[in-house]
Amino acid sequence: MAPRSTKSQKILRVNQIVRMLVNCASRSSIVQFAASEWGLSARQTDTYIAEAREIIREDANIERNDFLAARLQTIDRVIQQGLKQNQLSAVIGALKLQAEVLGLANK
């Protein structure tokens, strides 16, 4: 049995599991990882997985306007980077996507 983890260790472990879930890791691979890296049982790992899934749900549960604003900001960064690197096809693609997202493009 592994010794109890500190609060900060638990947070780091749950965040690691969040990253694994976002990268499509299976439960069995997470359980195996947690056993080999942290000495956790499958039952304890399932508790961490549940907490990680709750974090993912909370992240996904944002308002449509907030989501749209964040994506438009990302598109703006792509445009700026494309201009700096003279990647005009990337800039044009990002501008087209931006127009579509804003409902300004003809479909």
PDB file of N, CA and C in Angstrom:
ATOM      1  N   MET A   1       0.847  -1.181   0.000  1.00  0.00           N
ATOM      2  CA  MET A   1       0.000   0.000   0.000  1.00  0.00           C
ATOM      3  C   MET A   1       0.888   1.237   0.000  1.00  0.00           C
ATOM      4  N   ALA A   2       0.584   2.172  -0.873  1.00  0.00           N
ATOM      5  CA  ALA A   2       1.362   3.395  -0.983  1.00  0.00           C
ATOM      6  C   ALA A   2       1.030   4.329   0.176  1.00  0.00           C
ATOM      7  N   PRO A   3       2.031   5.096   0.622  1.00  0.00           N
ATOM      8  CA  PRO A   3       1.738   6.074   1.672  1.00  0.00           C
ATOM      9  C   PRO A   3       0.796   7.152   1.132  1.00  0.00           C
ATOM     10  N   ARG A   4       0.062   7.767   2.046  1.00  0.00           N
ATOM     11  CA  ARG A   4      -0.884   8.813   1.632  1.00  0.00           C
ATOM     12  C   ARG A   4      -0.131   9.949   0.946  1.00  0.00           C
ATOM     13  N   SER A   5      -0.746  10.471  -0.093  1.00  0.00           N
ATOM     14  CA  SER A   5      -0.125  11.577  -0.813  1.00  0.00           C
ATOM     15  C   SER A   5      -0.483  12.895  -0.144  1.00  0.00           C
ATOM     16  N   THR A   6       0.371  13.874  -0.356  1.00  0.00           N
ATOM     17  CA  THR A   6       0.062  15.210   0.141  1.00  0.00           C
ATOM     18  C   THR A   6      -0.991  15.825  -0.765  1.00  0.00           C
ATOM     19  N   LYS A   7      -1.563  16.923  -0.330  1.00  0.00           N
ATOM     20  CA  LYS A   7      -2.580  17.605  -1.119  1.00  0.00           C
ATOM     21  C   LYS A   7      -1.991  18.056  -2.464  1.00  0.00           C
ATOM     22  N   SER A   8      -0.774  18.567  -2.438  1.00  0.00           N
ATOM     23  CA  SER A   8      -0.153  19.033  -3.687  1.00  0.00           C
ATOM     24  C   SER A   8       0.172  17.855  -4.616  1.00  0.00           C
ATOM     25  N   GLN A   9       0.580  16.725  -4.062  1.00  0.00           N
ATOM     26  CA  GLN A   9       0.826  15.539  -4.882  1.00  0.00           C
ATOM     27  C   GLN A   9      -0.465  15.072  -5.544  1.00  0.00           C
ATOM     28  N   LYS A  10      -1.548  15.097  -4.777  1.00  0.00           N
ATOM     29  CA  LYS A  10      -2.832  14.670  -5.318  1.00  0.00           C
ATOM     30  C   LYS A  10      -3.246  15.570  -6.476  1.00  0.00           C
ATOM     31  N   ILE A  11      -3.103  16.872  -6.309  1.00  0.00           N
ATOM     32  CA  ILE A  11      -3.448  17.815  -7.373  1.00  0.00           C
ATOM     33  C   ILE A  11      -2.619  17.535  -8.621  1.00  0.00           C
ATOM     34  N   LEU A  12      -1.320  17.321  -8.444  1.00  0.00           N
ATOM     35  CA  LEU A  12      -0.454  17.021  -9.585  1.00  0.00           C
ATOM     36  C   LEU A  12      -0.869  15.720 -10.261  1.00  0.00           C
ATOM     37  N   ARG A  13      -1.212  14.723  -9.469  1.00  0.00           N
ATOM     38  CA  ARG A  13      -1.616  13.434 -10.027  1.00  0.00           C
ATOM     39  C   ARG A  13      -2.935  13.551 -10.801  1.00  0.00           C
ATOM     40  N   VAL A  14      -3.897  14.238 -10.223  1.00  0.00           N
ATOM     41  CA  VAL A  14      -5.185  14.410 -10.911  1.00  0.00           C
ATOM     42  C   VAL A  14      -4.973  15.194 -12.202  1.00  0.00           C
ATOM     43  N   ASN A  15      -4.140  16.224 -12.171  1.00  0.00           N
ATOM     44  CA  ASN A  15      -3.862  16.990 -13.389  1.00  0.00           C
ATOM     45  C   ASN A  15      -3.163  16.140 -14.438  1.00  0.00           C
ATOM     46  N   GLN A  16      -2.292  15.236 -14.014  1.00  0.00           N
ATOM     47  CA  GLN A  16      -1.650  14.314 -14.951  1.00  0.00           C
ATOM     48  C   GLN A  16      -2.698  13.407 -15.594  1.00  0.00           C
ATOM     49  N   ILE A  17      -3.640  12.953 -14.798  1.00  0.00           N
ATOM     50  CA  ILE A  17      -4.700  12.101 -15.321  1.00  0.00           C
ATOM     51  C   ILE A  17      -5.610  12.894 -16.263  1.00  0.00           C
ATOM     52  N   VAL A  18      -5.859  14.168 -15.962  1.00  0.00           N
ATOM     53  CA  VAL A  18      -6.623  15.019 -16.884  1.00  0.00           C
ATOM     54  C   VAL A  18      -5.930  15.024 -18.244  1.00  0.00           C
ATOM     55  N   ARG A  19      -4.621  15.273 -18.253  1.00  0.00           N
ATOM     56  CA  ARG A  19      -3.864  15.297 -19.515  1.00  0.00           C
ATOM     57  C   ARG A  19      -3.958  13.955 -20.234  1.00  0.00           C
ATOM     58  N   MET A  20      -3.880  12.869 -19.473  1.00  0.00           N
ATOM     59  CA  MET A  20      -3.970  11.544 -20.087  1.00  0.00           C
ATOM     60  C   MET A  20      -5.343  11.320 -20.710  1.00  0.00           C
ATOM     61  N   LEU A  21      -6.404  11.709 -20.004  1.00  0.00           N
ATOM     62  CA  LEU A  21      -7.757  11.539 -20.532  1.00  0.00           C
ATOM     63  C   LEU A  21      -7.973  12.392 -21.779  1.00  0.00           C
ATOM     64  N   VAL A  22      -7.481  13.617 -21.745  1.00  0.00           N
ATOM     65  CA  VAL A  22      -7.620  14.502 -22.897  1.00  0.00           C
ATOM     66  C   VAL A  22      -6.877  13.930 -24.098  1.00  0.00           C
ATOM     67  N   ASN A  23      -5.816  13.194 -23.840  1.00  0.00           N
ATOM     68  CA  ASN A  23      -5.046  12.548 -24.910  1.00  0.00           C
ATOM     69  C   ASN A  23      -5.538  11.135 -25.194  1.00  0.00           C
ATOM     70  N   CYS A  24      -6.761  10.840 -24.762  1.00  0.00           N
ATOM     71  CA  CYS A  24      -7.471   9.591 -25.079  1.00  0.00           C
ATOM     72  C   CYS A  24      -6.873   8.339 -24.446  1.00  0.00           C
ATOM     73  N   ALA A  25      -6.247   8.477 -23.300  1.00  0.00           N
ATOM     74  CA  ALA A  25      -5.739   7.290 -22.608  1.00  0.00           C
ATOM     75  C   ALA A  25      -6.907   6.478 -22.061  1.00  0.00           C
ATOM     76  N   SER A  26      -6.790   5.182 -22.101  1.00  0.00           N
ATOM     77  CA  SER A  26      -7.837   4.306 -21.573  1.00  0.00           C
ATOM     78  C   SER A  26      -7.709   4.209 -20.050  1.00  0.00           C
ATOM     79  N   ARG A  27      -8.788   3.767 -19.422  1.00  0.00           N
ATOM     80  CA  ARG A  27      -8.762   3.569 -17.981  1.00  0.00           C
ATOM     81  C   ARG A  27      -7.658   2.592 -17.601  1.00  0.00           C
ATOM     82  N   SER A  28      -7.552   1.507 -18.351  1.00  0.00           N
ATOM     83  CA  SER A  28      -6.557   0.492 -17.999  1.00  0.00           C
ATOM     84  C   SER A  28      -5.137   1.042 -18.089  1.00  0.00           C
ATOM     85  N   SER A  29      -4.867   1.883 -19.082  1.00  0.00           N
ATOM     86  CA  SER A  29      -3.516   2.441 -19.181  1.00  0.00           C
ATOM     87  C   SER A  29      -3.259   3.446 -18.064  1.00  0.00           C
ATOM     88  N   ILE A  30      -4.290   4.162 -17.649  1.00  0.00           N
ATOM     89  CA  ILE A  30      -4.128   5.097 -16.531  1.00  0.00           C
ATOM     90  C   ILE A  30      -3.905   4.337 -15.233  1.00  0.00           C
ATOM     91  N   VAL A  31      -4.669   3.255 -15.034  1.00  0.00           N
ATOM     92  CA  VAL A  31      -4.497   2.431 -13.828  1.00  0.00           C
ATOM     93  C   VAL A  31      -3.087   1.851 -13.792  1.00  0.00           C
ATOM     94  N   GLN A  32      -2.615   1.365 -14.922  1.00  0.00           N
ATOM     95  CA  GLN A  32      -1.269   0.799 -14.985  1.00  0.00           C
ATOM     96  C   GLN A  32      -0.219   1.873 -14.700  1.00  0.00           C
ATOM     97  N   PHE A  33      -0.386   3.051 -15.289  1.00  0.00           N
ATOM     98  CA  PHE A  33       0.543   4.153 -15.057  1.00  0.00           C
ATOM     99  C   PHE A  33       0.566   4.536 -13.578  1.00  0.00           C
ATOM    100  N   ALA A  34      -0.634   4.707 -12.989  1.00  0.00           N
ATOM    101  CA  ALA A  34      -0.722   5.118 -11.589  1.00  0.00           C
ATOM    102  C   ALA A  34      -0.109   4.075 -10.656  1.00  0.00           C
ATOM    103  N   ALA A  35      -0.259   2.801 -10.992  1.00  0.00           N
ATOM    104  CA  ALA A  35       0.328   1.741 -10.161  1.00  0.00           C
ATOM    105  C   ALA A  35       1.850   1.768 -10.253  1.00  0.00           C
ATOM    106  N   SER A  36       2.363   1.918 -11.465  1.00  0.00           N
ATOM    107  CA  SER A  36       3.823   1.869 -11.619  1.00  0.00           C
ATOM    108  C   SER A  36       4.502   3.156 -11.159  1.00  0.00           C
ATOM    109  N   GLU A  37       3.861   4.309 -11.391  1.00  0.00           N
ATOM    110  CA  GLU A  37       4.490   5.591 -11.038  1.00  0.00           C
ATOM    111  C   GLU A  37       4.251   6.007  -9.594  1.00  0.00           C
ATOM    112  N   TRP A  38       3.043   5.740  -9.093  1.00  0.00           N
ATOM    113  CA  TRP A  38       2.677   6.257  -7.778  1.00  0.00           C
ATOM    114  C   TRP A  38       2.326   5.164  -6.773  1.00  0.00           C
ATOM    115  N   GLY A  39       2.301   3.905  -7.204  1.00  0.00           N
ATOM    116  CA  GLY A  39       1.956   2.816  -6.303  1.00  0.00           C
ATOM    117  C   GLY A  39       0.498   2.818  -5.885  1.00  0.00           C
ATOM    118  N   LEU A  40      -0.383   3.324  -6.746  1.00  0.00           N
ATOM    119  CA  LEU A  40      -1.802   3.413  -6.395  1.00  0.00           C
ATOM    120  C   LEU A  40      -2.551   2.152  -6.793  1.00  0.00           C
ATOM    121  N   SER A  41      -3.599   1.863  -6.055  1.00  0.00           N
ATOM    122  CA  SER A  41      -4.497   0.756  -6.398  1.00  0.00           C
ATOM    123  C   SER A  41      -5.437   1.213  -7.507  1.00  0.00           C
ATOM    124  N   ALA A  42      -6.095   0.266  -8.138  1.00  0.00           N
ATOM    125  CA  ALA A  42      -7.076   0.591  -9.171  1.00  0.00           C
ATOM    126  C   ALA A  42      -8.217   1.405  -8.573  1.00  0.00           C
ATOM    127  N   ARG A  43      -8.618   1.064  -7.362  1.00  0.00           N
ATOM    128  CA  ARG A  43      -9.714   1.783  -6.708  1.00  0.00           C
ATOM    129  C   ARG A  43      -9.353   3.248  -6.469  1.00  0.00           C
ATOM    130  N   GLN A  44      -8.160   3.507  -5.968  1.00  0.00           N
ATOM    131  CA  GLN A  44      -7.735   4.888  -5.735  1.00  0.00           C
ATOM    132  C   GLN A  44      -7.581   5.635  -7.057  1.00  0.00           C
ATOM    133  N   THR A  45      -7.075   4.940  -8.050  1.00  0.00           N
ATOM    134  CA  THR A  45      -6.923   5.552  -9.372  1.00  0.00           C
ATOM    135  C   THR A  45      -8.288   5.920  -9.938  1.00  0.00           C
ATOM    136  N   ASP A  46      -9.282   5.068  -9.742  1.00  0.00           N
ATOM    137  CA  ASP A  46     -10.631   5.387 -10.204  1.00  0.00           C
ATOM    138  C   ASP A  46     -11.165   6.661  -9.539  1.00  0.00           C
ATOM    139  N   THR A  47     -10.820   6.860  -8.275  1.00  0.00           N
ATOM    140  CA  THR A  47     -11.217   8.092  -7.581  1.00  0.00           C
ATOM    141  C   THR A  47     -10.557   9.296  -8.244  1.00  0.00           C
ATOM    142  N   TYR A  48      -9.284   9.178  -8.566  1.00  0.00           N
ATOM    143  CA  TYR A  48      -8.561  10.257  -9.251  1.00  0.00           C
ATOM    144  C   TYR A  48      -9.135  10.495 -10.644  1.00  0.00           C
ATOM    145  N   ILE A  49      -9.481   9.411 -11.338  1.00  0.00           N
ATOM    146  CA  ILE A  49     -10.065   9.542 -12.678  1.00  0.00           C
ATOM    147  C   ILE A  49     -11.393  10.285 -12.593  1.00  0.00           C
ATOM    148  N   ALA A  50     -12.196   9.981 -11.596  1.00  0.00           N
ATOM    149  CA  ALA A  50     -13.483  10.669 -11.422  1.00  0.00           C
ATOM    150  C   ALA A  50     -13.264  12.163 -11.188  1.00  0.00           C
ATOM    151  N   GLU A  51     -12.277  12.505 -10.369  1.00  0.00           N
ATOM    152  CA  GLU A  51     -11.967  13.919 -10.133  1.00  0.00           C
ATOM    153  C   GLU A  51     -11.463  14.587 -11.407  1.00  0.00           C
ATOM    154  N   ALA A  52     -10.657  13.879 -12.165  1.00  0.00           N
ATOM    155  CA  ALA A  52     -10.135  14.420 -13.420  1.00  0.00           C
ATOM    156  C   ALA A  52     -11.267  14.660 -14.412  1.00  0.00           C
ATOM    157  N   ARG A  53     -12.198  13.735 -14.491  1.00  0.00           N
ATOM    158  CA  ARG A  53     -13.342  13.899 -15.406  1.00  0.00           C
ATOM    159  C   ARG A  53     -14.208  15.083 -14.995  1.00  0.00           C
ATOM    160  N   GLU A  54     -14.333  15.317 -13.711  1.00  0.00           N
ATOM    161  CA  GLU A  54     -15.094  16.474 -13.236  1.00  0.00           C
ATOM    162  C   GLU A  54     -14.407  17.775 -13.672  1.00  0.00           C
ATOM    163  N   ILE A  55     -13.100  17.816 -13.597  1.00  0.00           N
ATOM    164  CA  ILE A  55     -12.352  18.989 -14.059  1.00  0.00           C
ATOM    165  C   ILE A  55     -12.593  19.208 -15.548  1.00  0.00           C
ATOM    166  N   ILE A  56     -12.556  18.135 -16.312  1.00  0.00           N
ATOM    167  CA  ILE A  56     -12.790  18.231 -17.758  1.00  0.00           C
ATOM    168  C   ILE A  56     -14.202  18.742 -18.028  1.00  0.00           C
ATOM    169  N   ARG A  57     -15.200  18.230 -17.288  1.00  0.00           N
ATOM    170  CA  ARG A  57     -16.582  18.691 -17.462  1.00  0.00           C
ATOM    171  C   ARG A  57     -16.712  20.177 -17.145  1.00  0.00           C
ATOM    172  N   GLU A  58     -16.071  20.616 -16.070  1.00  0.00           N
ATOM    173  CA  GLU A  58     -16.130  22.027 -15.693  1.00  0.00           C
ATOM    174  C   GLU A  58     -15.489  22.903 -16.772  1.00  0.00           C
ATOM    175  N   ASP A  59     -14.378  22.442 -17.318  1.00  0.00           N
ATOM    176  CA  ASP A  59     -13.718  23.197 -18.390  1.00  0.00           C
ATOM    177  C   ASP A  59     -14.600  23.288 -19.627  1.00  0.00           C
ATOM    178  N   ALA A  60     -15.337  22.233 -19.900  1.00  0.00           N
ATOM    179  CA  ALA A  60     -16.187  22.201 -21.099  1.00  0.00           C
ATOM    180  C   ALA A  60     -17.499  22.945 -20.894  1.00  0.00           C
ATOM    181  N   ASN A  61     -17.850  23.215 -19.676  1.00  0.00           N
ATOM    182  CA  ASN A  61     -19.128  23.833 -19.364  1.00  0.00           C
ATOM    183  C   ASN A  61     -18.988  25.360 -19.308  1.00  0.00           C
ATOM    184  N   ILE A  62     -18.570  25.946 -20.425  1.00  0.00           N
ATOM    185  CA  ILE A  62     -18.430  27.396 -20.472  1.00  0.00           C
ATOM    186  C   ILE A  62     -19.516  27.966 -21.369  1.00  0.00           C
ATOM    187  N   GLU A  63     -19.771  29.214 -21.195  1.00  0.00           N
ATOM    188  CA  GLU A  63     -20.776  29.889 -22.004  1.00  0.00           C
ATOM    189  C   GLU A  63     -20.348  29.933 -23.459  1.00  0.00           C
ATOM    190  N   ARG A  64     -21.316  29.910 -24.343  1.00  0.00           N
ATOM    191  CA  ARG A  64     -21.043  29.966 -25.780  1.00  0.00           C
ATOM    192  C   ARG A  64     -20.233  31.205 -26.138  1.00  0.00           C
ATOM    193  N   ASN A  65     -20.585  32.361 -25.579  1.00  0.00           N
ATOM    194  CA  ASN A  65     -19.863  33.593 -25.887  1.00  0.00           C
ATOM    195  C   ASN A  65     -18.413  33.533 -25.417  1.00  0.00           C
ATOM    196  N   ASP A  66     -18.181  32.936 -24.259  1.00  0.00           N
ATOM    197  CA  ASP A  66     -16.813  32.797 -23.757  1.00  0.00           C
ATOM    198  C   ASP A  66     -16.008  31.872 -24.666  1.00  0.00           C
ATOM    199  N   PHE A  67     -16.636  30.782 -25.095  1.00  0.00           N
ATOM    200  CA  PHE A  67     -15.979  29.837 -25.992  1.00  0.00           C
ATOM    201  C   PHE A  67     -15.639  30.524 -27.311  1.00  0.00           C
ATOM    202  N   LEU A  68     -16.604  31.238 -27.864  1.00  0.00           N
ATOM    203  CA  LEU A  68     -16.408  31.935 -29.130  1.00  0.00           C
ATOM    204  C   LEU A  68     -15.290  32.974 -29.019  1.00  0.00           C
ATOM    205  N   ALA A  69     -15.281  33.723 -27.943  1.00  0.00           N
ATOM    206  CA  ALA A  69     -14.250  34.744 -27.745  1.00  0.00           C
ATOM    207  C   ALA A  69     -12.862  34.112 -27.660  1.00  0.00           C
ATOM    208  N   ALA A  70     -12.752  32.994 -26.962  1.00  0.00           N
ATOM    209  CA  ALA A  70     -11.454  32.325 -26.838  1.00  0.00           C
ATOM    210  C   ALA A  70     -10.977  31.814 -28.193  1.00  0.00           C
ATOM    211  N   ARG A  71     -11.899  31.254 -28.985  1.00  0.00           N
ATOM    212  CA  ARG A  71     -11.510  30.746 -30.307  1.00  0.00           C
ATOM    213  C   ARG A  71     -11.134  31.873 -31.255  1.00  0.00           C
ATOM    214  N   LEU A  72     -11.857  32.987 -31.196  1.00  0.00           N
ATOM    215  CA  LEU A  72     -11.511  34.128 -32.038  1.00  0.00           C
ATOM    216  C   LEU A  72     -10.136  34.690 -31.655  1.00  0.00           C
ATOM    217  N   GLN A  73      -9.823  34.670 -30.384  1.00  0.00           N
ATOM    218  CA  GLN A  73      -8.513  35.119 -29.931  1.00  0.00           C
ATOM    219  C   GLN A  73      -7.412  34.199 -30.458  1.00  0.00           C
ATOM    220  N   THR A  74      -7.677  32.914 -30.480  1.00  0.00           N
ATOM    221  CA  THR A  74      -6.715  31.959 -31.038  1.00  0.00           C
ATOM    222  C   THR A  74      -6.517  32.210 -32.525  1.00  0.00           C
ATOM    223  N   ILE A  75      -7.614  32.453 -33.243  1.00  0.00           N
ATOM    224  CA  ILE A  75      -7.507  32.748 -34.678  1.00  0.00           C
ATOM    225  C   ILE A  75      -6.689  34.012 -34.891  1.00  0.00           C
ATOM    226  N   ASP A  76      -6.886  35.028 -34.048  1.00  0.00           N
ATOM    227  CA  ASP A  76      -6.094  36.259 -34.154  1.00  0.00           C
ATOM    228  C   ASP A  76      -4.606  35.981 -33.972  1.00  0.00           C
ATOM    229  N   ARG A  77      -4.266  35.086 -33.034  1.00  0.00           N
ATOM    230  CA  ARG A  77      -2.847  34.734 -32.828  1.00  0.00           C
ATOM    231  C   ARG A  77      -2.277  34.037 -34.054  1.00  0.00           C
ATOM    232  N   VAL A  78      -3.087  33.170 -34.670  1.00  0.00           N
ATOM    233  CA  VAL A  78      -2.637  32.485 -35.889  1.00  0.00           C
ATOM    234  C   VAL A  78      -2.379  33.506 -36.985  1.00  0.00           C
ATOM    235  N   ILE A  79      -3.256  34.468 -37.127  1.00  0.00           N
ATOM    236  CA  ILE A  79      -3.086  35.509 -38.140  1.00  0.00           C
ATOM    237  C   ILE A  79      -1.807  36.294 -37.877  1.00  0.00           C
ATOM    238  N   GLN A  80      -1.597  36.703 -36.634  1.00  0.00           N
ATOM    239  CA  GLN A  80      -0.400  37.482 -36.298  1.00  0.00           C
ATOM    240  C   GLN A  80       0.889  36.685 -36.550  1.00  0.00           C
ATOM    241  N   GLN A  81       0.885  35.422 -36.136  1.00  0.00           N
ATOM    242  CA  GLN A  81       2.071  34.571 -36.377  1.00  0.00           C
ATOM    243  C   GLN A  81       2.293  34.364 -37.871  1.00  0.00           C
ATOM    244  N   GLY A  82       1.214  34.164 -38.608  1.00  0.00           N
ATOM    245  CA  GLY A  82       1.324  33.981 -40.053  1.00  0.00           C
ATOM    246  C   GLY A  82       1.895  35.197 -40.731  1.00  0.00           C
ATOM    247  N   LEU A  83       1.483  36.364 -40.287  1.00  0.00           N
ATOM    248  CA  LEU A  83       2.027  37.601 -40.863  1.00  0.00           C
ATOM    249  C   LEU A  83       3.509  37.751 -40.537  1.00  0.00           C
ATOM    250  N   LYS A  84       3.886  37.445 -39.302  1.00  0.00           N
ATOM    251  CA  LYS A  84       5.299  37.548 -38.893  1.00  0.00           C
ATOM    252  C   LYS A  84       6.182  36.598 -39.694  1.00  0.00           C
ATOM    253  N   GLN A  85       5.655  35.419 -40.001  1.00  0.00           N
ATOM    254  CA  GLN A  85       6.452  34.390 -40.672  1.00  0.00           C
ATOM    255  C   GLN A  85       6.194  34.346 -42.175  1.00  0.00           C
ATOM    256  N   ASN A  86       5.462  35.347 -42.674  1.00  0.00           N
ATOM    257  CA  ASN A  86       5.141  35.440 -44.099  1.00  0.00           C
ATOM    258  C   ASN A  86       4.445  34.173 -44.607  1.00  0.00           C
ATOM    259  N   GLN A  87       3.580  33.610 -43.790  1.00  0.00           N
ATOM    260  CA  GLN A  87       2.790  32.429 -44.135  1.00  0.00           C
ATOM    261  C   GLN A  87       1.395  32.910 -44.572  1.00  0.00           C
ATOM    262  N   LEU A  88       1.341  33.468 -45.760  1.00  0.00           N
ATOM    263  CA  LEU A  88       0.113  34.124 -46.197  1.00  0.00           C
ATOM    264  C   LEU A  88      -1.040  33.154 -46.403  1.00  0.00           C
ATOM    265  N   SER A  89      -0.768  31.926 -46.788  1.00  0.00           N
ATOM    266  CA  SER A  89      -1.865  30.965 -46.945  1.00  0.00           C
ATOM    267  C   SER A  89      -2.500  30.656 -45.583  1.00  0.00           C
ATOM    268  N   ALA A  90      -1.699  30.591 -44.529  1.00  0.00           N
ATOM    269  CA  ALA A  90      -2.234  30.382 -43.179  1.00  0.00           C
ATOM    270  C   ALA A  90      -3.066  31.585 -42.748  1.00  0.00           C
ATOM    271  N   VAL A  91      -2.600  32.780 -43.094  1.00  0.00           N
ATOM    272  CA  VAL A  91      -3.334  34.000 -42.753  1.00  0.00           C
ATOM    273  C   VAL A  91      -4.686  34.015 -43.463  1.00  0.00           C
ATOM    274  N   ILE A  92      -4.686  33.696 -44.750  1.00  0.00           N
ATOM    275  CA  ILE A  92      -5.930  33.685 -45.517  1.00  0.00           C
ATOM    276  C   ILE A  92      -6.898  32.636 -44.955  1.00  0.00           C
ATOM    277  N   GLY A  93      -6.381  31.453 -44.635  1.00  0.00           N
ATOM    278  CA  GLY A  93      -7.228  30.408 -44.051  1.00  0.00           C
ATOM    279  C   GLY A  93      -7.815  30.842 -42.723  1.00  0.00           C
ATOM    280  N   ALA A  94      -7.000  31.494 -41.896  1.00  0.00           N
ATOM    281  CA  ALA A  94      -7.487  31.952 -40.596  1.00  0.00           C
ATOM    282  C   ALA A  94      -8.520  33.059 -40.760  1.00  0.00           C
ATOM    283  N   LEU A  95      -8.309  33.943 -41.717  1.00  0.00           N
ATOM    284  CA  LEU A  95      -9.284  35.011 -41.966  1.00  0.00           C
ATOM    285  C   LEU A  95     -10.611  34.445 -42.454  1.00  0.00           C
ATOM    286  N   LYS A  96     -10.541  33.427 -43.317  1.00  0.00           N
ATOM    287  CA  LYS A  96     -11.768  32.771 -43.787  1.00  0.00           C
ATOM    288  C   LYS A  96     -12.503  32.114 -42.621  1.00  0.00           C
ATOM    289  N   LEU A  97     -11.757  31.419 -41.778  1.00  0.00           N
ATOM    290  CA  LEU A  97     -12.364  30.767 -40.618  1.00  0.00           C
ATOM    291  C   LEU A  97     -12.988  31.801 -39.689  1.00  0.00           C
ATOM    292  N   GLN A  98     -12.289  32.893 -39.486  1.00  0.00           N
ATOM    293  CA  GLN A  98     -12.804  33.952 -38.631  1.00  0.00           C
ATOM    294  C   GLN A  98     -14.126  34.500 -39.183  1.00  0.00           C
ATOM    295  N   ALA A  99     -14.195  34.722 -40.484  1.00  0.00           N
ATOM    296  CA  ALA A  99     -15.415  35.213 -41.110  1.00  0.00           C
ATOM    297  C   ALA A  99     -16.553  34.205 -40.955  1.00  0.00           C
ATOM    298  N   GLU A 100     -16.235  32.916 -41.108  1.00  0.00           N
ATOM    299  CA  GLU A 100     -17.255  31.880 -40.935  1.00  0.00           C
ATOM    300  C   GLU A 100     -17.776  31.844 -39.497  1.00  0.00           C
ATOM    301  N   VAL A 101     -16.856  31.900 -38.555  1.00  0.00           N
ATOM    302  CA  VAL A 101     -17.251  31.849 -37.136  1.00  0.00           C
ATOM    303  C   VAL A 101     -18.151  33.030 -36.790  1.00  0.00           C
ATOM    304  N   LEU A 102     -17.845  34.180 -37.375  1.00  0.00           N
ATOM    305  CA  LEU A 102     -18.636  35.385 -37.097  1.00  0.00           C
ATOM    306  C   LEU A 102     -19.896  35.475 -37.956  1.00  0.00           C
ATOM    307  N   GLY A 103     -20.067  34.511 -38.868  1.00  0.00           N
ATOM    308  CA  GLY A 103     -21.243  34.507 -39.709  1.00  0.00           C
ATOM    309  C   GLY A 103     -21.181  35.522 -40.837  1.00  0.00           C
ATOM    310  N   LEU A 104     -19.978  35.939 -41.215  1.00  0.00           N
ATOM    311  CA  LEU A 104     -19.805  36.936 -42.254  1.00  0.00           C
ATOM    312  C   LEU A 104     -19.525  36.330 -43.620  1.00  0.00           C
ATOM    313  N   ALA A 105     -19.247  35.055 -43.664  1.00  0.00           N
ATOM    314  CA  ALA A 105     -18.868  34.403 -44.927  1.00  0.00           C
ATOM    315  C   ALA A 105     -20.091  33.805 -45.590  1.00  0.00           C
ATOM    316  N   ASN A 106     -20.080  33.831 -46.920  1.00  0.00           N
ATOM    317  CA  ASN A 106     -21.125  33.136 -47.696  1.00  0.00           C
ATOM    318  C   ASN A 106     -20.798  31.665 -47.692  1.00  0.00           C
ATOM    319  N   LYS A 107     -21.773  30.853 -47.456  1.00  0.00           N
ATOM    320  CA  LYS A 107     -21.522  29.411 -47.396  1.00  0.00           C
ATOM    321  C   LYS A 107     -21.804  28.755 -48.692  1.00  0.00           C
TER     322      LYS A 107
END
